[in-house]
Amino acid sequence: MRIIIYGTGAVGGTIAGLLADAGHEVIGISRGAQLAAIRDGGLKVRTVAGARDTQFEVVEGPDDIDYRPDDAICLTMKGQDCEPALAALRRAGVTEQPIFCFQNGVENERRVLRRFANVHGVTVMMPCDFIIPGEVAVFGTPCPGMFDIGLYTGGHDAADAALVAALNDAGFAAFTADDVMASKYGKLLMNLGNIVEAALGPDDTDDIRAALKAEGQSAMQAAGIAWQDVGLSDPRRKDRMQIGEIPGVTRVGSSSTQSLARATGSIETEFLNGEIELLGRLHGVPTPGNAWFTALATRILRDGLAAGSVPVADARAALGL
């Protein structure tokens, strides 16, 4: 199996670098300064156990690859960047190769399935940061990350098993999952707090997060959607992946916080809290808290607000807490 990593930021870069370091054939699809840095000097992956200088082939776009039947294509860009990536894969001639969604939220798999038949969901539990071009950091320990992988439509196949084996060989903790979307819905409930941290900062906001999660659970229940707990109470995590420290590296925070800190001009809230807002509208369940934070994310981008600059009191007042 040759593994193509579409997007070499924090998640994709960590996966590509550690797979390549373990001897697996990897091609990264990158852009801009990150593309230039990896071409010039490889990618430094900082882990709790120490830094690794990794080397792998990197190209600028999907049409720079001569695809093979044994390719596994891993999407590691955020949800808001998925549509143009899928169009580029279609133009490049991708057809039957398995496509794995290493992305938060639950909408990407459906979007991929509209264009490609061989779609796989992946739940990503991997605390990692993009530091500078050519350097990423991953804070999971003793395994840098944990993944559930399976067919979007249910069950798992040989491609899932092969990718799980490759990831485990590279030091990750990966599992096949016959109902991977239940795992991904569980991760979605966790990710409802991403915008809370990004907007309000590191203050104690447990009450706000709990309110958003309760709305999410109510909306999922009304929609008949099952979910699986993949948080710290997941017994698999105890001996496999906790969050550690890297000397000299301060963790920025969630993927949403990183988007604001790096001023990328976009944020994934629409595919997280916005998913709960959508379910609520479809099934007649009020989701005012998630709706407020989805609108807040738009305002933050529009007004150029800094990460952590929204008063916690404003959020509590809006949610009636």
C-alpha atoms as a PDB file:
ATOM      1  CA  MET A   1       0.000   0.000   0.000  1.00  0.00           C
ATOM      2  CA  ARG A   2       1.320   3.432  -1.001  1.00  0.00           C
ATOM      3  CA  ILE A   3      -0.128   6.115   1.263  1.00  0.00           C
ATOM      4  CA  ILE A   4      -0.981   9.545  -0.135  1.00  0.00           C
ATOM      5  CA  ILE A   5      -1.468  12.240   2.500  1.00  0.00           C
ATOM      6  CA  TYR A   6      -3.489  15.140   1.102  1.00  0.00           C
ATOM      7  CA  GLY A   7      -2.542  18.014   3.385  1.00  0.00           C
ATOM      8  CA  THR A   8       0.690  18.109   5.390  1.00  0.00           C
ATOM      9  CA  GLY A   9      -0.246  20.382   8.267  1.00  0.00           C
ATOM     10  CA  ALA A  10      -0.306  19.227  11.871  1.00  0.00           C
ATOM     11  CA  VAL A  11      -2.339  16.040  11.367  1.00  0.00           C
ATOM     12  CA  GLY A  12      -1.219  15.124   7.869  1.00  0.00           C
ATOM     13  CA  GLY A  13       2.393  16.071   8.451  1.00  0.00           C
ATOM     14  CA  THR A  14       2.627  13.983  11.611  1.00  0.00           C
ATOM     15  CA  ILE A  15       1.078  10.953   9.921  1.00  0.00           C
ATOM     16  CA  ALA A  16       3.161  11.299   6.752  1.00  0.00           C
ATOM     17  CA  GLY A  17       6.409  11.859   8.625  1.00  0.00           C
ATOM     18  CA  LEU A  18       6.052   8.982  11.060  1.00  0.00           C
ATOM     19  CA  LEU A  19       4.827   6.559   8.386  1.00  0.00           C
ATOM     20  CA  ALA A  20       7.780   7.449   6.177  1.00  0.00           C
ATOM     21  CA  ASP A  21      10.167   7.194   9.115  1.00  0.00           C
ATOM     22  CA  ALA A  22       8.907   3.633   9.667  1.00  0.00           C
ATOM     23  CA  GLY A  23       9.747   2.733   6.073  1.00  0.00           C
ATOM     24  CA  HIS A  24       6.346   3.085   4.398  1.00  0.00           C
ATOM     25  CA  GLU A  25       5.965   4.579   0.937  1.00  0.00           C
ATOM     26  CA  VAL A  26       4.398   8.007   1.366  1.00  0.00           C
ATOM     27  CA  ILE A  27       3.557  10.902  -0.922  1.00  0.00           C
ATOM     28  CA  GLY A  28       2.437  14.184   0.616  1.00  0.00           C
ATOM     29  CA  ILE A  29       0.330  16.785  -1.185  1.00  0.00           C
ATOM     30  CA  SER A  30       1.284  20.167   0.179  1.00  0.00           C
ATOM     31  CA  ARG A  31       1.391  23.845  -0.745  1.00  0.00           C
ATOM     32  CA  GLY A  32       3.172  27.106  -0.156  1.00  0.00           C
ATOM     33  CA  ALA A  33       5.892  27.411   2.445  1.00  0.00           C
ATOM     34  CA  GLN A  34       5.221  23.941   3.837  1.00  0.00           C
ATOM     35  CA  LEU A  35       5.756  22.379   0.404  1.00  0.00           C
ATOM     36  CA  ALA A  36       9.025  24.265  -0.048  1.00  0.00           C
ATOM     37  CA  ALA A  37      10.278  23.404   3.439  1.00  0.00           C
ATOM     38  CA  ILE A  38       9.590  19.673   3.095  1.00  0.00           C
ATOM     39  CA  ARG A  39      11.214  19.589  -0.344  1.00  0.00           C
ATOM     40  CA  ASP A  40      14.276  21.419   0.914  1.00  0.00           C
ATOM     41  CA  GLY A  41      14.904  19.697   4.239  1.00  0.00           C
ATOM     42  CA  GLY A  42      12.169  17.210   5.068  1.00  0.00           C
ATOM     43  CA  LEU A  43       9.727  17.503   7.961  1.00  0.00           C
ATOM     44  CA  LYS A  44      10.750  17.617  11.618  1.00  0.00           C
ATOM     45  CA  VAL A  45       8.166  15.851  13.784  1.00  0.00           C
ATOM     46  CA  ARG A  46       8.549  16.780  17.446  1.00  0.00           C
ATOM     47  CA  THR A  47       7.142  14.102  19.771  1.00  0.00           C
ATOM     48  CA  VAL A  48       7.088  13.579  23.521  1.00  0.00           C
ATOM     49  CA  ALA A  49       9.814  10.957  23.025  1.00  0.00           C
ATOM     50  CA  GLY A  50      12.023  13.289  20.966  1.00  0.00           C
ATOM     51  CA  ALA A  51      12.252  14.920  17.539  1.00  0.00           C
ATOM     52  CA  ARG A  52      12.439  12.968  14.298  1.00  0.00           C
ATOM     53  CA  ASP A  53      13.761  14.345  11.026  1.00  0.00           C
ATOM     54  CA  THR A  54      11.632  12.674   8.365  1.00  0.00           C
ATOM     55  CA  GLN A  55      11.831  12.564   4.587  1.00  0.00           C
ATOM     56  CA  PHE A  56       9.085  11.767   2.102  1.00  0.00           C
ATOM     57  CA  GLU A  57       8.115  12.689  -1.432  1.00  0.00           C
ATOM     58  CA  VAL A  58       5.917  15.759  -1.650  1.00  0.00           C
ATOM     59  CA  VAL A  59       4.007  17.250  -4.581  1.00  0.00           C
ATOM     60  CA  GLU A  60       1.970  20.389  -5.143  1.00  0.00           C
ATOM     61  CA  GLY A  61      -1.295  18.852  -6.299  1.00  0.00           C
ATOM     62  CA  PRO A  62      -3.175  15.633  -7.007  1.00  0.00           C
ATOM     63  CA  ASP A  63      -2.416  15.854 -10.723  1.00  0.00           C
ATOM     64  CA  ASP A  64       1.308  15.472  -9.969  1.00  0.00           C
ATOM     65  CA  ILE A  65       0.799  11.816  -8.993  1.00  0.00           C
ATOM     66  CA  ASP A  66       0.630   8.759 -11.248  1.00  0.00           C
ATOM     67  CA  TYR A  67      -1.992   6.820  -9.290  1.00  0.00           C
ATOM     68  CA  ARG A  68      -1.763   3.094  -8.620  1.00  0.00           C
ATOM     69  CA  PRO A  69      -4.490   0.627  -7.652  1.00  0.00           C
ATOM     70  CA  ASP A  70      -2.847   0.061  -4.253  1.00  0.00           C
ATOM     71  CA  ASP A  71      -2.874   3.753  -3.281  1.00  0.00           C
ATOM     72  CA  ALA A  72      -4.647   4.815  -0.112  1.00  0.00           C
ATOM     73  CA  ILE A  73      -5.639   8.483  -0.256  1.00  0.00           C
ATOM     74  CA  CYS A  74      -5.889  10.151   3.154  1.00  0.00           C
ATOM     75  CA  LEU A  75      -7.693  13.491   3.383  1.00  0.00           C
ATOM     76  CA  THR A  76      -6.190  15.515   6.220  1.00  0.00           C
ATOM     77  CA  MET A  77      -7.366  19.023   5.371  1.00  0.00           C
ATOM     78  CA  LYS A  78     -10.128  20.654   7.424  1.00  0.00           C
ATOM     79  CA  GLY A  79     -13.750  20.350   6.367  1.00  0.00           C
ATOM     80  CA  GLN A  80     -13.944  23.848   4.912  1.00  0.00           C
ATOM     81  CA  ASP A  81     -11.129  22.955   2.505  1.00  0.00           C
ATOM     82  CA  CYS A  82     -12.524  19.599   1.408  1.00  0.00           C
ATOM     83  CA  GLU A  83     -14.615  20.553  -1.638  1.00  0.00           C
ATOM     84  CA  PRO A  84     -11.797  21.923  -3.816  1.00  0.00           C
ATOM     85  CA  ALA A  85      -9.620  18.969  -2.816  1.00  0.00           C
ATOM     86  CA  LEU A  86     -12.254  16.495  -4.008  1.00  0.00           C
ATOM     87  CA  ALA A  87     -12.642  18.338  -7.297  1.00  0.00           C
ATOM     88  CA  ALA A  88      -8.863  18.203  -7.769  1.00  0.00           C
ATOM     89  CA  LEU A  89      -8.821  14.453  -7.133  1.00  0.00           C
ATOM     90  CA  ARG A  90     -11.553  13.941  -9.737  1.00  0.00           C
ATOM     91  CA  ARG A  91      -9.644  15.988 -12.292  1.00  0.00           C
ATOM     92  CA  ALA A  92      -6.478  13.997 -11.540  1.00  0.00           C
ATOM     93  CA  GLY A  93      -8.210  10.750 -12.490  1.00  0.00           C
ATOM     94  CA  VAL A  94      -8.765   9.124  -9.099  1.00  0.00           C
ATOM     95  CA  THR A  95     -11.541   6.535  -9.380  1.00  0.00           C
ATOM     96  CA  GLU A  96     -11.569   3.348  -7.297  1.00  0.00           C
ATOM     97  CA  GLN A  97      -8.782   3.978  -4.783  1.00  0.00           C
ATOM     98  CA  PRO A  98      -9.902   4.012  -1.130  1.00  0.00           C
ATOM     99  CA  ILE A  99     -10.270   7.495   0.314  1.00  0.00           C
ATOM    100  CA  PHE A 100      -9.896   7.911   4.080  1.00  0.00           C
ATOM    101  CA  CYS A 101     -11.343  10.959   5.853  1.00  0.00           C
ATOM    102  CA  PHE A 102      -8.897  11.887   8.626  1.00  0.00           C
ATOM    103  CA  GLN A 103     -11.089  14.882   9.476  1.00  0.00           C
ATOM    104  CA  ASN A 104     -13.256  16.192  12.278  1.00  0.00           C
ATOM    105  CA  GLY A 105     -16.996  16.314  11.793  1.00  0.00           C
ATOM    106  CA  VAL A 106     -19.262  13.837  10.014  1.00  0.00           C
ATOM    107  CA  GLU A 107     -20.058  15.578   6.726  1.00  0.00           C
ATOM    108  CA  ASN A 108     -16.878  14.911   4.761  1.00  0.00           C
ATOM    109  CA  GLU A 109     -17.582  11.226   4.182  1.00  0.00           C
ATOM    110  CA  ARG A 110     -20.925  12.042   2.582  1.00  0.00           C
ATOM    111  CA  ARG A 111     -19.317  14.666   0.366  1.00  0.00           C
ATOM    112  CA  VAL A 112     -16.647  12.202  -0.740  1.00  0.00           C
ATOM    113  CA  LEU A 113     -19.240   9.497  -1.435  1.00  0.00           C
ATOM    114  CA  ARG A 114     -20.997  11.841  -3.851  1.00  0.00           C
ATOM    115  CA  ARG A 115     -17.892  11.634  -6.053  1.00  0.00           C
ATOM    116  CA  PHE A 116     -16.146   8.369  -5.162  1.00  0.00           C
ATOM    117  CA  ALA A 117     -17.382   4.882  -4.307  1.00  0.00           C
ATOM    118  CA  ASN A 118     -14.657   3.715  -1.924  1.00  0.00           C
ATOM    119  CA  VAL A 119     -15.043   5.898   1.187  1.00  0.00           C
ATOM    120  CA  HIS A 120     -13.709   5.274   4.691  1.00  0.00           C
ATOM    121  CA  GLY A 121     -14.218   7.194   7.910  1.00  0.00           C
ATOM    122  CA  VAL A 122     -11.429   7.852  10.399  1.00  0.00           C
ATOM    123  CA  THR A 123     -11.772   9.145  13.942  1.00  0.00           C
ATOM    124  CA  VAL A 124      -8.645  11.128  14.760  1.00  0.00           C
ATOM    125  CA  MET A 125      -7.508  11.426  18.355  1.00  0.00           C
ATOM    126  CA  MET A 126      -4.157  13.158  18.009  1.00  0.00           C
ATOM    127  CA  PRO A 127      -3.207  16.392  19.798  1.00  0.00           C
ATOM    128  CA  CYS A 128      -0.814  18.092  17.416  1.00  0.00           C
ATOM    129  CA  ASP A 129       0.276  21.561  16.302  1.00  0.00           C
ATOM    130  CA  PHE A 130       1.721  23.121  13.182  1.00  0.00           C
ATOM    131  CA  ILE A 131       4.736  25.070  14.420  1.00  0.00           C
ATOM    132  CA  ILE A 132       6.519  26.587  11.429  1.00  0.00           C
ATOM    133  CA  PRO A 133       6.938  25.433   7.821  1.00  0.00           C
ATOM    134  CA  GLY A 134       8.863  22.187   7.986  1.00  0.00           C
ATOM    135  CA  GLU A 135       8.019  21.442  11.611  1.00  0.00           C
ATOM    136  CA  VAL A 136       5.052  19.928  13.479  1.00  0.00           C
ATOM    137  CA  ALA A 137       4.570  18.730  17.048  1.00  0.00           C
ATOM    138  CA  VAL A 138       2.464  15.867  18.389  1.00  0.00           C
ATOM    139  CA  PHE A 139       1.712  15.586  22.109  1.00  0.00           C
ATOM    140  CA  GLY A 140       0.175  12.107  22.332  1.00  0.00           C
ATOM    141  CA  THR A 141       2.089   9.542  24.388  1.00  0.00           C
ATOM    142  CA  PRO A 142       3.164   6.745  24.386  1.00  0.00           C
ATOM    143  CA  CYS A 143       1.403   6.525  21.018  1.00  0.00           C
ATOM    144  CA  PRO A 144       1.323   9.864  19.175  1.00  0.00           C
ATOM    145  CA  GLY A 145      -2.255   9.313  18.024  1.00  0.00           C
ATOM    146  CA  MET A 146      -5.205   6.918  18.067  1.00  0.00           C
ATOM    147  CA  PHE A 147      -7.508   6.164  15.144  1.00  0.00           C
ATOM    148  CA  ASP A 148     -10.711   4.227  14.463  1.00  0.00           C
ATOM    149  CA  ILE A 149     -10.972   3.278  10.774  1.00  0.00           C
ATOM    150  CA  GLY A 150     -13.783   1.646   8.809  1.00  0.00           C
ATOM    151  CA  LEU A 151     -16.035   1.826   5.791  1.00  0.00           C
ATOM    152  CA  TYR A 152     -18.350   4.828   5.827  1.00  0.00           C
ATOM    153  CA  THR A 153     -21.281   2.589   4.943  1.00  0.00           C
ATOM    154  CA  GLY A 154     -20.449   0.103   7.717  1.00  0.00           C
ATOM    155  CA  GLY A 155     -18.029  -2.733   8.272  1.00  0.00           C
ATOM    156  CA  HIS A 156     -14.374  -2.754   7.275  1.00  0.00           C
ATOM    157  CA  ASP A 157     -12.347  -4.205   4.429  1.00  0.00           C
ATOM    158  CA  ALA A 158      -8.800  -5.154   3.469  1.00  0.00           C
ATOM    159  CA  ALA A 159      -7.826  -1.532   2.807  1.00  0.00           C
ATOM    160  CA  ASP A 160      -8.852  -0.581   6.346  1.00  0.00           C
ATOM    161  CA  ALA A 161      -6.854  -3.486   7.771  1.00  0.00           C
ATOM    162  CA  ALA A 162      -3.799  -2.591   5.686  1.00  0.00           C
ATOM    163  CA  LEU A 163      -3.831   1.061   6.751  1.00  0.00           C
ATOM    164  CA  VAL A 164      -4.379   0.089  10.396  1.00  0.00           C
ATOM    165  CA  ALA A 165      -1.369  -2.230  10.182  1.00  0.00           C
ATOM    166  CA  ALA A 166       0.800   0.495   8.644  1.00  0.00           C
ATOM    167  CA  LEU A 167      -0.192   3.045  11.295  1.00  0.00           C
ATOM    168  CA  ASN A 168       0.445   0.590  14.124  1.00  0.00           C
ATOM    169  CA  ASP A 169       3.827  -0.203  12.602  1.00  0.00           C
ATOM    170  CA  ALA A 170       4.621   3.530  12.720  1.00  0.00           C
ATOM    171  CA  GLY A 171       3.822   3.699  16.444  1.00  0.00           C
ATOM    172  CA  PHE A 172       0.213   4.890  16.341  1.00  0.00           C
ATOM    173  CA  ALA A 173      -2.704   3.067  17.978  1.00  0.00           C
ATOM    174  CA  ALA A 174      -5.115   2.211  15.158  1.00  0.00           C
ATOM    175  CA  PHE A 175      -8.201  -0.006  15.140  1.00  0.00           C
ATOM    176  CA  THR A 176     -10.679  -1.237  12.551  1.00  0.00           C
ATOM    177  CA  ALA A 177     -14.213  -0.138  13.415  1.00  0.00           C
ATOM    178  CA  ASP A 178     -17.349  -1.677  11.921  1.00  0.00           C
ATOM    179  CA  ASP A 179     -19.391   1.391  12.924  1.00  0.00           C
ATOM    180  CA  VAL A 180     -16.798   4.095  12.494  1.00  0.00           C
ATOM    181  CA  MET A 181     -19.400   6.847  12.249  1.00  0.00           C
ATOM    182  CA  ALA A 182     -20.572   6.151  15.813  1.00  0.00           C
ATOM    183  CA  SER A 183     -16.983   6.832  16.822  1.00  0.00           C
ATOM    184  CA  LYS A 184     -16.899   9.988  14.719  1.00  0.00           C
ATOM    185  CA  TYR A 185     -20.175  11.261  16.215  1.00  0.00           C
ATOM    186  CA  GLY A 186     -18.632  10.737  19.644  1.00  0.00           C
ATOM    187  CA  LYS A 187     -15.642  12.813  18.575  1.00  0.00           C
ATOM    188  CA  LEU A 188     -18.020  15.457  17.204  1.00  0.00           C
ATOM    189  CA  LEU A 189     -19.521  15.900  20.668  1.00  0.00           C
ATOM    190  CA  MET A 190     -16.016  16.534  21.998  1.00  0.00           C
ATOM    191  CA  ASN A 191     -15.222  18.968  19.197  1.00  0.00           C
ATOM    192  CA  LEU A 192     -18.211  21.172  20.045  1.00  0.00           C
ATOM    193  CA  GLY A 193     -15.856  22.720  22.602  1.00  0.00           C
ATOM    194  CA  ASN A 194     -13.239  23.690  20.004  1.00  0.00           C
ATOM    195  CA  ILE A 195     -14.822  27.077  19.303  1.00  0.00           C
ATOM    196  CA  VAL A 196     -15.271  27.650  23.040  1.00  0.00           C
ATOM    197  CA  GLU A 197     -11.519  27.446  23.586  1.00  0.00           C
ATOM    198  CA  ALA A 198     -10.755  29.329  20.374  1.00  0.00           C
ATOM    199  CA  ALA A 199     -13.092  32.218  21.144  1.00  0.00           C
ATOM    200  CA  LEU A 200     -13.023  32.448  24.941  1.00  0.00           C
ATOM    201  CA  GLY A 201      -9.526  31.246  25.768  1.00  0.00           C
ATOM    202  CA  PRO A 202      -8.350  28.809  28.444  1.00  0.00           C
ATOM    203  CA  ASP A 203     -10.686  29.988  31.233  1.00  0.00           C
ATOM    204  CA  ASP A 204     -12.927  27.513  33.051  1.00  0.00           C
ATOM    205  CA  THR A 205     -15.792  26.969  30.628  1.00  0.00           C
ATOM    206  CA  ASP A 206     -16.994  23.496  31.648  1.00  0.00           C
ATOM    207  CA  ASP A 207     -20.580  24.716  32.012  1.00  0.00           C
ATOM    208  CA  ILE A 208     -20.594  26.124  28.486  1.00  0.00           C
ATOM    209  CA  ARG A 209     -19.097  22.965  26.999  1.00  0.00           C
ATOM    210  CA  ALA A 210     -21.615  20.819  28.879  1.00  0.00           C
ATOM    211  CA  ALA A 211     -24.512  22.889  27.522  1.00  0.00           C
ATOM    212  CA  LEU A 212     -23.293  22.516  23.938  1.00  0.00           C
ATOM    213  CA  LYS A 213     -22.763  18.778  24.397  1.00  0.00           C
ATOM    214  CA  ALA A 214     -26.254  18.333  25.884  1.00  0.00           C
ATOM    215  CA  GLU A 215     -27.767  20.072  22.864  1.00  0.00           C
ATOM    216  CA  GLY A 216     -25.714  17.821  20.597  1.00  0.00           C
ATOM    217  CA  GLN A 217     -26.869  14.670  22.346  1.00  0.00           C
ATOM    218  CA  SER A 218     -30.513  15.778  22.171  1.00  0.00           C
ATOM    219  CA  ALA A 219     -30.237  16.492  18.452  1.00  0.00           C
ATOM    220  CA  MET A 220     -28.523  13.167  17.768  1.00  0.00           C
ATOM    221  CA  GLN A 221     -31.110  11.266  19.782  1.00  0.00           C
ATOM    222  CA  ALA A 222     -33.923  12.922  17.829  1.00  0.00           C
ATOM    223  CA  ALA A 223     -32.184  11.951  14.595  1.00  0.00           C
ATOM    224  CA  GLY A 224     -31.706   8.347  15.738  1.00  0.00           C
ATOM    225  CA  ILE A 225     -27.919   8.672  15.619  1.00  0.00           C
ATOM    226  CA  ALA A 226     -25.797   6.506  17.906  1.00  0.00           C
ATOM    227  CA  TRP A 227     -22.425   7.651  19.211  1.00  0.00           C
ATOM    228  CA  GLN A 228     -19.478   6.086  20.973  1.00  0.00           C
ATOM    229  CA  ASP A 229     -17.433   7.703  23.716  1.00  0.00           C
ATOM    230  CA  VAL A 230     -13.895   8.256  22.453  1.00  0.00           C
ATOM    231  CA  GLY A 231     -12.775  10.709  25.135  1.00  0.00           C
ATOM    232  CA  LEU A 232     -10.547  10.229  28.125  1.00  0.00           C
ATOM    233  CA  SER A 233     -12.942   7.636  29.540  1.00  0.00           C
ATOM    234  CA  ASP A 234     -12.313   5.357  26.535  1.00  0.00           C
ATOM    235  CA  PRO A 235     -10.424   2.460  28.181  1.00  0.00           C
ATOM    236  CA  ARG A 236      -8.197   2.077  25.127  1.00  0.00           C
ATOM    237  CA  ARG A 237      -6.601   5.438  25.815  1.00  0.00           C
ATOM    238  CA  LYS A 238      -5.272   4.694  29.290  1.00  0.00           C
ATOM    239  CA  ASP A 239      -2.207   2.766  28.187  1.00  0.00           C
ATOM    240  CA  ARG A 240      -2.015   4.017  24.617  1.00  0.00           C
ATOM    241  CA  MET A 241      -2.515   7.760  24.339  1.00  0.00           C
ATOM    242  CA  GLN A 242      -2.440  10.461  26.943  1.00  0.00           C
ATOM    243  CA  ILE A 243      -1.419  14.076  26.386  1.00  0.00           C
ATOM    244  CA  GLY A 244       2.201  14.726  27.301  1.00  0.00           C
ATOM    245  CA  GLU A 245       4.652  17.610  27.107  1.00  0.00           C
ATOM    246  CA  ILE A 246       7.431  18.435  24.678  1.00  0.00           C
ATOM    247  CA  PRO A 247      10.310  20.451  26.167  1.00  0.00           C
ATOM    248  CA  GLY A 248      10.460  23.877  24.587  1.00  0.00           C
ATOM    249  CA  VAL A 249       7.115  23.546  22.784  1.00  0.00           C
ATOM    250  CA  THR A 250       3.902  25.106  24.110  1.00  0.00           C
ATOM    251  CA  ARG A 251       0.735  23.560  22.737  1.00  0.00           C
ATOM    252  CA  VAL A 252      -1.437  26.139  20.988  1.00  0.00           C
ATOM    253  CA  GLY A 253      -4.684  24.241  21.486  1.00  0.00           C
ATOM    254  CA  SER A 254      -7.455  22.722  19.407  1.00  0.00           C
ATOM    255  CA  SER A 255      -7.515  22.807  15.625  1.00  0.00           C
ATOM    256  CA  SER A 256      -9.940  25.748  15.787  1.00  0.00           C
ATOM    257  CA  THR A 257      -7.653  27.694  18.128  1.00  0.00           C
ATOM    258  CA  GLN A 258      -4.761  27.042  15.769  1.00  0.00           C
ATOM    259  CA  SER A 259      -6.780  28.410  12.833  1.00  0.00           C
ATOM    260  CA  LEU A 260      -7.379  31.676  14.677  1.00  0.00           C
ATOM    261  CA  ALA A 261      -3.840  31.880  16.045  1.00  0.00           C
ATOM    262  CA  ARG A 262      -2.407  31.451  12.551  1.00  0.00           C
ATOM    263  CA  ALA A 263      -4.987  33.822  11.011  1.00  0.00           C
ATOM    264  CA  THR A 264      -5.836  31.327   8.269  1.00  0.00           C
ATOM    265  CA  GLY A 265      -9.063  33.147   7.410  1.00  0.00           C
ATOM    266  CA  SER A 266     -11.271  30.092   7.964  1.00  0.00           C
ATOM    267  CA  ILE A 267     -12.443  27.864  10.783  1.00  0.00           C
ATOM    268  CA  GLU A 268     -14.207  24.497  10.947  1.00  0.00           C
ATOM    269  CA  THR A 269     -17.057  25.496  13.305  1.00  0.00           C
ATOM    270  CA  GLU A 270     -19.697  25.162  10.573  1.00  0.00           C
ATOM    271  CA  PHE A 271     -18.895  21.444  10.351  1.00  0.00           C
ATOM    272  CA  LEU A 272     -18.887  20.940  14.133  1.00  0.00           C
ATOM    273  CA  ASN A 273     -21.373  23.116  16.014  1.00  0.00           C
ATOM    274  CA  GLY A 274     -23.070  23.810  12.687  1.00  0.00           C
ATOM    275  CA  GLU A 275     -23.739  20.089  12.298  1.00  0.00           C
ATOM    276  CA  ILE A 276     -25.708  20.126  15.561  1.00  0.00           C
ATOM    277  CA  GLU A 277     -27.564  23.235  14.420  1.00  0.00           C
ATOM    278  CA  LEU A 278     -28.472  21.390  11.195  1.00  0.00           C
ATOM    279  CA  LEU A 279     -29.685  18.282  13.039  1.00  0.00           C
ATOM    280  CA  GLY A 280     -31.754  20.477  15.322  1.00  0.00           C
ATOM    281  CA  ARG A 281     -33.448  22.158  12.383  1.00  0.00           C
ATOM    282  CA  LEU A 282     -34.124  18.837  10.681  1.00  0.00           C
ATOM    283  CA  HIS A 283     -35.637  17.206  13.764  1.00  0.00           C
ATOM    284  CA  GLY A 284     -37.254  20.061  15.644  1.00  0.00           C
ATOM    285  CA  VAL A 285     -34.727  20.256  18.494  1.00  0.00           C
ATOM    286  CA  PRO A 286     -33.641  23.689  19.773  1.00  0.00           C
ATOM    287  CA  THR A 287     -29.860  24.181  19.648  1.00  0.00           C
ATOM    288  CA  PRO A 288     -29.445  27.873  20.582  1.00  0.00           C
ATOM    289  CA  GLY A 289     -26.009  27.471  22.160  1.00  0.00           C
ATOM    290  CA  ASN A 290     -24.425  25.775  19.179  1.00  0.00           C
ATOM    291  CA  ALA A 291     -26.158  28.235  16.850  1.00  0.00           C
ATOM    292  CA  TRP A 292     -24.729  31.150  18.852  1.00  0.00           C
ATOM    293  CA  PHE A 293     -21.195  29.790  18.634  1.00  0.00           C
ATOM    294  CA  THR A 294     -21.524  29.048  14.914  1.00  0.00           C
ATOM    295  CA  ALA A 295     -22.556  32.666  14.341  1.00  0.00           C
ATOM    296  CA  LEU A 296     -19.773  33.824  16.662  1.00  0.00           C
ATOM    297  CA  ALA A 297     -17.176  32.009  14.555  1.00  0.00           C
ATOM    298  CA  THR A 298     -18.362  33.932  11.505  1.00  0.00           C
ATOM    299  CA  ARG A 299     -18.152  37.216  13.417  1.00  0.00           C
ATOM    300  CA  ILE A 300     -14.641  36.429  14.648  1.00  0.00           C
ATOM    301  CA  LEU A 301     -13.442  35.867  11.078  1.00  0.00           C
ATOM    302  CA  ARG A 302     -15.329  38.889   9.717  1.00  0.00           C
ATOM    303  CA  ASP A 303     -13.992  41.273  12.363  1.00  0.00           C
ATOM    304  CA  GLY A 304     -10.525  39.757  12.607  1.00  0.00           C
ATOM    305  CA  LEU A 305     -10.843  39.046  16.336  1.00  0.00           C
ATOM    306  CA  ALA A 306      -7.933  37.358  18.067  1.00  0.00           C
ATOM    307  CA  ALA A 307      -8.110  33.917  19.636  1.00  0.00           C
ATOM    308  CA  GLY A 308      -9.427  34.082  23.203  1.00  0.00           C
ATOM    309  CA  SER A 309     -10.700  37.654  22.881  1.00  0.00           C
ATOM    310  CA  VAL A 310     -14.436  37.079  23.435  1.00  0.00           C
ATOM    311  CA  PRO A 311     -15.536  37.603  27.078  1.00  0.00           C
ATOM    312  CA  VAL A 312     -16.705  34.435  28.796  1.00  0.00           C
ATOM    313  CA  ALA A 313     -19.520  36.431  30.385  1.00  0.00           C
ATOM    314  CA  ASP A 314     -20.939  37.200  26.933  1.00  0.00           C
ATOM    315  CA  ALA A 315     -21.166  33.496  26.126  1.00  0.00           C
ATOM    316  CA  ARG A 316     -22.760  32.633  29.465  1.00  0.00           C
ATOM    317  CA  ALA A 317     -25.326  35.400  29.009  1.00  0.00           C
ATOM    318  CA  ALA A 318     -26.135  34.212  25.485  1.00  0.00           C
ATOM    319  CA  LEU A 319     -26.619  30.636  26.696  1.00  0.00           C
ATOM    320  CA  GLY A 320     -28.560  31.649  29.813  1.00  0.00           C
ATOM    321  CA  LEU A 321     -25.966  30.185  32.197  1.00  0.00           C
END
